[in-house]
């Protein structure tokens, strides 16, 4: 399944970048001078303990929040002031940590919500939604209400909504949280196939096994600041990362 219908980027090209971004809420700094570059086709993980600023960083990338300082760029264009729907149309898709399907709508209708971001005609949006549901193994459930889905199915439907807009970059916020081992393995395979199809993926994930399995590169946040970056093997061996997760004694 093509993950983007137009404006494909060359492998290795920087598609999304964060330049010294900070976000303050009164006296609290949730993201503190973070910089990040995502190359086209890469699979990158953002990890860190609870409250590290991971989801806030995602919100800065997708426009739910504006940075207090710093810039966000997409394919070289400054998008710091762009609204979320503009960024979605440009090619940035995301899922949310807490899955909130439109429970009174069918699975197909939920998937079409994302597709309408780029496909304005109903038929085109339905065709795109059908494609992503097929890819995610949900097409046979297309006519059931979203309220009847299992947690694993809801997580996949969340991905389907994001894919409906034909993103070039997909931000996944803990899409495997709460899944059992079998469901997690299935989700890993889905994300791997999407990435192998050319989709650039940035994921927040607490399961370090998932990060080791999928990510080529990882950055670790603690207290809103980046404390380590490198391959998963490198960052998980870093004493600062061990301390952030387990405490000073363990480090």
Protein backbone atom coordinates (compact mmCIF):
# COMPACT_ATOMS: atom_id res chain seq x y z
CA UNK A 1 0.00 0.00 0.00
CA UNK A 2 1.45 3.40 -0.90
CA UNK A 3 1.69 5.47 2.22
CA UNK A 4 1.79 8.81 0.43
CA UNK A 5 0.07 9.67 -2.82
CA UNK A 6 2.21 12.64 -3.78
CA UNK A 7 5.29 14.66 -2.89
CA UNK A 8 7.48 11.62 -2.18
CA UNK A 9 10.83 12.41 -0.60
CA UNK A 10 14.19 10.89 -1.38
CA UNK A 11 15.63 8.42 1.09
CA UNK A 12 17.87 10.19 3.57
CA UNK A 13 16.35 13.64 2.99
CA UNK A 14 15.47 15.45 6.22
CA UNK A 15 11.69 15.46 6.23
CA UNK A 16 10.87 16.77 9.71
CA UNK A 17 13.12 18.72 12.05
CA UNK A 18 12.91 20.33 15.47
CA UNK A 19 15.31 23.19 16.15
CA UNK A 20 16.00 24.03 19.81
CA UNK A 21 12.34 23.72 20.73
CA UNK A 22 11.10 24.48 24.24
CA UNK A 23 7.61 24.59 25.71
CA UNK A 24 6.83 26.19 29.04
CA UNK A 25 3.60 26.08 31.03
CA UNK A 26 4.00 28.88 33.53
CA UNK A 27 6.97 27.89 35.68
CA UNK A 28 7.10 24.34 34.28
CA UNK A 29 9.33 23.57 31.30
CA UNK A 30 7.85 20.45 29.67
CA UNK A 31 10.23 20.41 26.68
CA UNK A 32 13.60 22.06 27.11
CA UNK A 33 15.77 22.97 24.10
CA UNK A 34 15.22 19.74 22.13
CA UNK A 35 16.52 19.33 18.58
CA UNK A 36 15.72 16.39 16.31
CA UNK A 37 16.00 15.53 12.63
CA UNK A 38 14.02 12.77 10.92
CA UNK A 39 15.38 11.43 7.65
CA UNK A 40 12.95 10.07 5.09
CA UNK A 41 12.35 6.35 5.64
CA UNK A 42 13.83 6.32 9.14
CA UNK A 43 12.36 4.62 12.21
CA UNK A 44 13.12 6.67 15.32
CA UNK A 45 11.96 6.20 18.92
CA UNK A 46 11.44 8.77 21.66
CA UNK A 47 11.72 7.18 25.08
CA UNK A 48 11.89 8.31 28.67
CA UNK A 49 10.14 7.95 32.03
CA UNK A 50 6.62 9.22 32.63
CA UNK A 51 6.47 13.01 32.52
CA UNK A 52 9.62 13.29 30.41
CA UNK A 53 7.92 15.50 27.78
CA UNK A 54 7.44 12.93 25.02
CA UNK A 55 3.80 13.60 24.18
CA UNK A 56 4.33 17.35 24.55
CA UNK A 57 7.05 17.05 21.90
CA UNK A 58 4.58 15.27 19.61
CA UNK A 59 2.04 18.04 20.20
CA UNK A 60 4.65 20.59 19.15
CA UNK A 61 5.36 18.63 15.97
CA UNK A 62 1.71 18.33 14.99
CA UNK A 63 0.52 21.80 16.01
CA UNK A 64 -1.63 20.99 19.02
CA UNK A 65 0.83 23.22 20.90
CA UNK A 66 3.08 26.09 19.82
CA UNK A 67 6.64 26.15 21.12
CA UNK A 68 7.64 28.85 23.57
CA UNK A 69 10.87 29.06 21.58
CA UNK A 70 12.48 27.25 18.67
CA UNK A 71 11.15 26.12 15.31
CA UNK A 72 9.60 23.12 13.60
CA UNK A 73 10.28 22.51 9.90
CA UNK A 74 8.75 20.10 7.40
CA UNK A 75 10.86 19.44 4.30
CA UNK A 76 12.73 22.66 5.01
CA UNK A 77 9.64 24.83 5.38
CA UNK A 78 9.01 26.53 8.71
CA UNK A 79 5.68 25.25 10.04
CA UNK A 80 5.95 26.50 13.64
CA UNK A 81 2.79 28.59 13.29
CA UNK A 82 0.79 26.14 11.13
CA UNK A 83 -2.45 24.66 12.46
CA UNK A 84 -2.81 20.88 13.00
CA UNK A 85 -5.08 20.41 9.95
CA UNK A 86 -2.55 22.23 7.75
CA UNK A 87 0.23 19.95 8.96
CA UNK A 88 -1.95 16.90 8.34
CA UNK A 89 -2.52 17.99 4.75
CA UNK A 90 1.20 18.61 4.31
CA UNK A 91 1.99 15.03 5.30
CA UNK A 92 2.26 14.68 9.09
CA UNK A 93 0.00 12.04 10.63
CA UNK A 94 -0.28 10.99 14.25
CA UNK A 95 -2.01 8.74 16.73
CA UNK A 96 -2.88 9.70 20.29
CA UNK A 97 -1.80 8.06 23.53
CA UNK A 98 -5.40 7.71 24.71
CA UNK A 99 -7.48 6.13 21.96
CA UNK A 100 -10.79 7.92 21.55
CA UNK A 101 -12.68 6.43 18.61
CA UNK A 102 -15.95 7.96 17.44
CA UNK A 103 -17.92 5.12 18.98
CA UNK A 104 -21.23 5.92 17.29
CA UNK A 105 -19.59 5.59 13.86
CA UNK A 106 -18.48 2.46 12.06
CA UNK A 107 -14.86 1.45 11.63
CA UNK A 108 -15.02 2.58 8.00
CA UNK A 109 -16.45 5.96 8.98
CA UNK A 110 -13.74 6.45 11.60
CA UNK A 111 -11.06 5.70 9.01
CA UNK A 112 -12.71 8.12 6.58
CA UNK A 113 -12.34 10.96 9.10
CA UNK A 114 -8.59 10.84 8.53
CA UNK A 115 -8.94 10.35 4.77
CA UNK A 116 -11.02 13.53 4.40
CA UNK A 117 -7.93 15.56 5.37
CA UNK A 118 -6.60 14.96 1.86
CA UNK A 119 -9.44 13.31 -0.07
CA UNK A 120 -12.36 15.73 -0.13
CA UNK A 121 -14.80 13.59 -2.13
CA UNK A 122 -16.65 10.93 -0.20
CA UNK A 123 -15.92 8.16 -2.69
CA UNK A 124 -12.20 8.93 -2.71
CA UNK A 125 -12.11 9.07 1.09
CA UNK A 126 -13.95 5.74 1.31
CA UNK A 127 -11.55 4.11 -1.15
CA UNK A 128 -8.53 5.35 0.80
CA UNK A 129 -10.07 4.26 4.11
CA UNK A 130 -10.74 0.83 2.66
CA UNK A 131 -7.11 0.52 1.56
CA UNK A 132 -5.70 1.30 4.98
CA UNK A 133 -8.21 -0.95 6.76
CA UNK A 134 -7.19 -3.79 4.45
CA UNK A 135 -3.53 -3.15 5.22
CA UNK A 136 -4.19 -3.15 8.97
CA UNK A 137 -6.36 -6.26 8.96
CA UNK A 138 -9.58 -4.42 9.81
CA UNK A 139 -11.44 -4.44 6.50
CA UNK A 140 -13.66 -7.33 7.60
CA UNK A 141 -14.74 -5.16 10.56
CA UNK A 142 -15.46 -2.07 8.46
CA UNK A 143 -19.23 -2.04 9.06
CA UNK A 144 -19.26 -2.62 12.83
CA UNK A 145 -19.45 0.21 15.34
CA UNK A 146 -16.13 1.34 16.75
CA UNK A 147 -17.52 0.76 20.24
CA UNK A 148 -17.45 -2.99 19.62
CA UNK A 149 -13.72 -3.20 18.89
CA UNK A 150 -11.14 -4.76 21.18
CA UNK A 151 -8.30 -2.58 22.47
CA UNK A 152 -5.90 -4.00 19.86
CA UNK A 153 -8.42 -3.27 17.10
CA UNK A 154 -8.96 0.26 18.42
CA UNK A 155 -5.23 0.86 18.31
CA UNK A 156 -5.13 -0.31 14.69
CA UNK A 157 -8.10 1.86 13.81
CA UNK A 158 -6.25 4.83 15.32
CA UNK A 159 -3.38 4.08 12.94
CA UNK A 160 -5.88 3.77 10.08
CA UNK A 161 -7.22 7.25 10.74
CA UNK A 162 -3.70 8.65 10.64
CA UNK A 163 -2.82 6.76 7.45
CA UNK A 164 -5.96 7.96 5.71
CA UNK A 165 -4.37 11.38 5.14
CA UNK A 166 -1.47 9.79 3.19
CA UNK A 167 1.25 10.98 5.58
CA UNK A 168 4.94 11.09 4.78
CA UNK A 169 5.73 11.05 8.51
CA UNK A 170 3.72 9.03 11.03
CA UNK A 171 3.95 9.81 14.76
CA UNK A 172 2.87 6.87 16.92
CA UNK A 173 2.15 7.67 20.56
CA UNK A 174 2.29 4.41 22.57
CA UNK A 175 0.23 2.39 20.08
CA UNK A 176 1.31 -0.84 21.79
CA UNK A 177 0.51 0.16 25.38
CA UNK A 178 -1.88 -2.29 27.03
CA UNK A 179 -1.48 -5.01 24.40
CA UNK A 180 -0.64 -8.60 25.27
CA UNK A 181 2.53 -10.20 23.81
CA UNK A 182 0.74 -11.71 20.80
CA UNK A 183 -0.98 -8.42 20.00
CA UNK A 184 2.28 -6.53 20.47
CA UNK A 185 4.09 -8.80 18.02
CA UNK A 186 1.31 -8.24 15.46
CA UNK A 187 1.54 -4.48 15.96
CA UNK A 188 5.32 -4.56 15.57
CA UNK A 189 4.90 -6.33 12.24
CA UNK A 190 2.37 -3.75 11.05
CA UNK A 191 4.66 -0.83 11.93
CA UNK A 192 7.63 -2.58 10.34
CA UNK A 193 5.73 -3.12 7.08
CA UNK A 194 4.62 0.51 6.97
CA UNK A 195 8.20 1.66 7.44
CA UNK A 196 9.50 -0.75 4.82
CA UNK A 197 6.89 0.73 2.47
CA UNK A 198 8.65 4.08 2.73
CA UNK A 199 6.88 5.73 5.65
CA UNK A 200 9.01 7.72 8.08
CA UNK A 201 8.05 6.74 11.63
CA UNK A 202 8.62 8.46 14.96
CA UNK A 203 7.29 6.47 17.89
CA UNK A 204 6.90 6.99 21.61
CA UNK A 205 7.17 3.66 23.34
CA UNK A 206 7.73 2.45 26.91
CA UNK A 207 8.34 -1.18 25.95
CA UNK A 208 12.08 -1.28 25.46
CA UNK A 209 11.81 -4.59 23.60
CA UNK A 210 9.67 -2.84 20.98
CA UNK A 211 12.21 -0.04 20.68
CA UNK A 212 15.09 -2.47 20.29
CA UNK A 213 13.16 -4.45 17.67
CA UNK A 214 11.98 -1.55 15.53
CA UNK A 215 14.05 1.59 15.98
CA UNK A 216 17.28 2.42 14.21
CA UNK A 217 17.78 5.51 16.35
CA UNK A 218 16.46 6.58 19.75
CA UNK A 219 16.46 9.77 21.77
CA UNK A 220 15.85 9.77 25.50
CA UNK A 221 14.09 12.61 27.30
CA UNK A 222 14.08 13.23 31.04
CA UNK A 223 12.59 16.32 32.59
CA UNK A 224 11.98 17.70 29.12
CA UNK A 225 15.64 17.56 28.10
CA UNK A 226 17.45 15.16 25.81
CA UNK A 227 19.87 13.12 27.90
CA UNK A 228 21.01 10.58 25.29
CA UNK A 229 20.76 9.79 21.59
CA UNK A 230 22.04 6.94 19.45
CA UNK A 231 21.16 3.37 18.62
CA UNK A 232 18.86 1.63 21.14
CA UNK A 233 21.79 -0.48 22.34
CA UNK A 234 23.87 2.64 22.97
CA UNK A 235 21.26 4.67 24.79
CA UNK A 236 20.02 1.83 27.00
CA UNK A 237 23.59 1.23 28.17
CA UNK A 238 24.06 4.91 29.05
CA UNK A 239 24.32 5.42 32.86
CA UNK A 240 22.25 8.61 32.61
CA UNK A 241 19.42 6.67 30.97
CA UNK A 242 19.62 3.87 33.53
CA UNK A 243 19.47 6.46 36.30
CA UNK A 244 16.45 8.17 34.73
CA UNK A 245 14.56 4.88 34.55
CA UNK A 246 15.77 3.06 37.65
CA UNK A 247 17.29 5.62 40.00
CA UNK A 248 20.79 6.56 41.14
CA UNK A 249 21.48 3.34 43.04
CA UNK A 250 20.82 1.16 40.00
CA UNK A 251 22.91 3.39 37.76
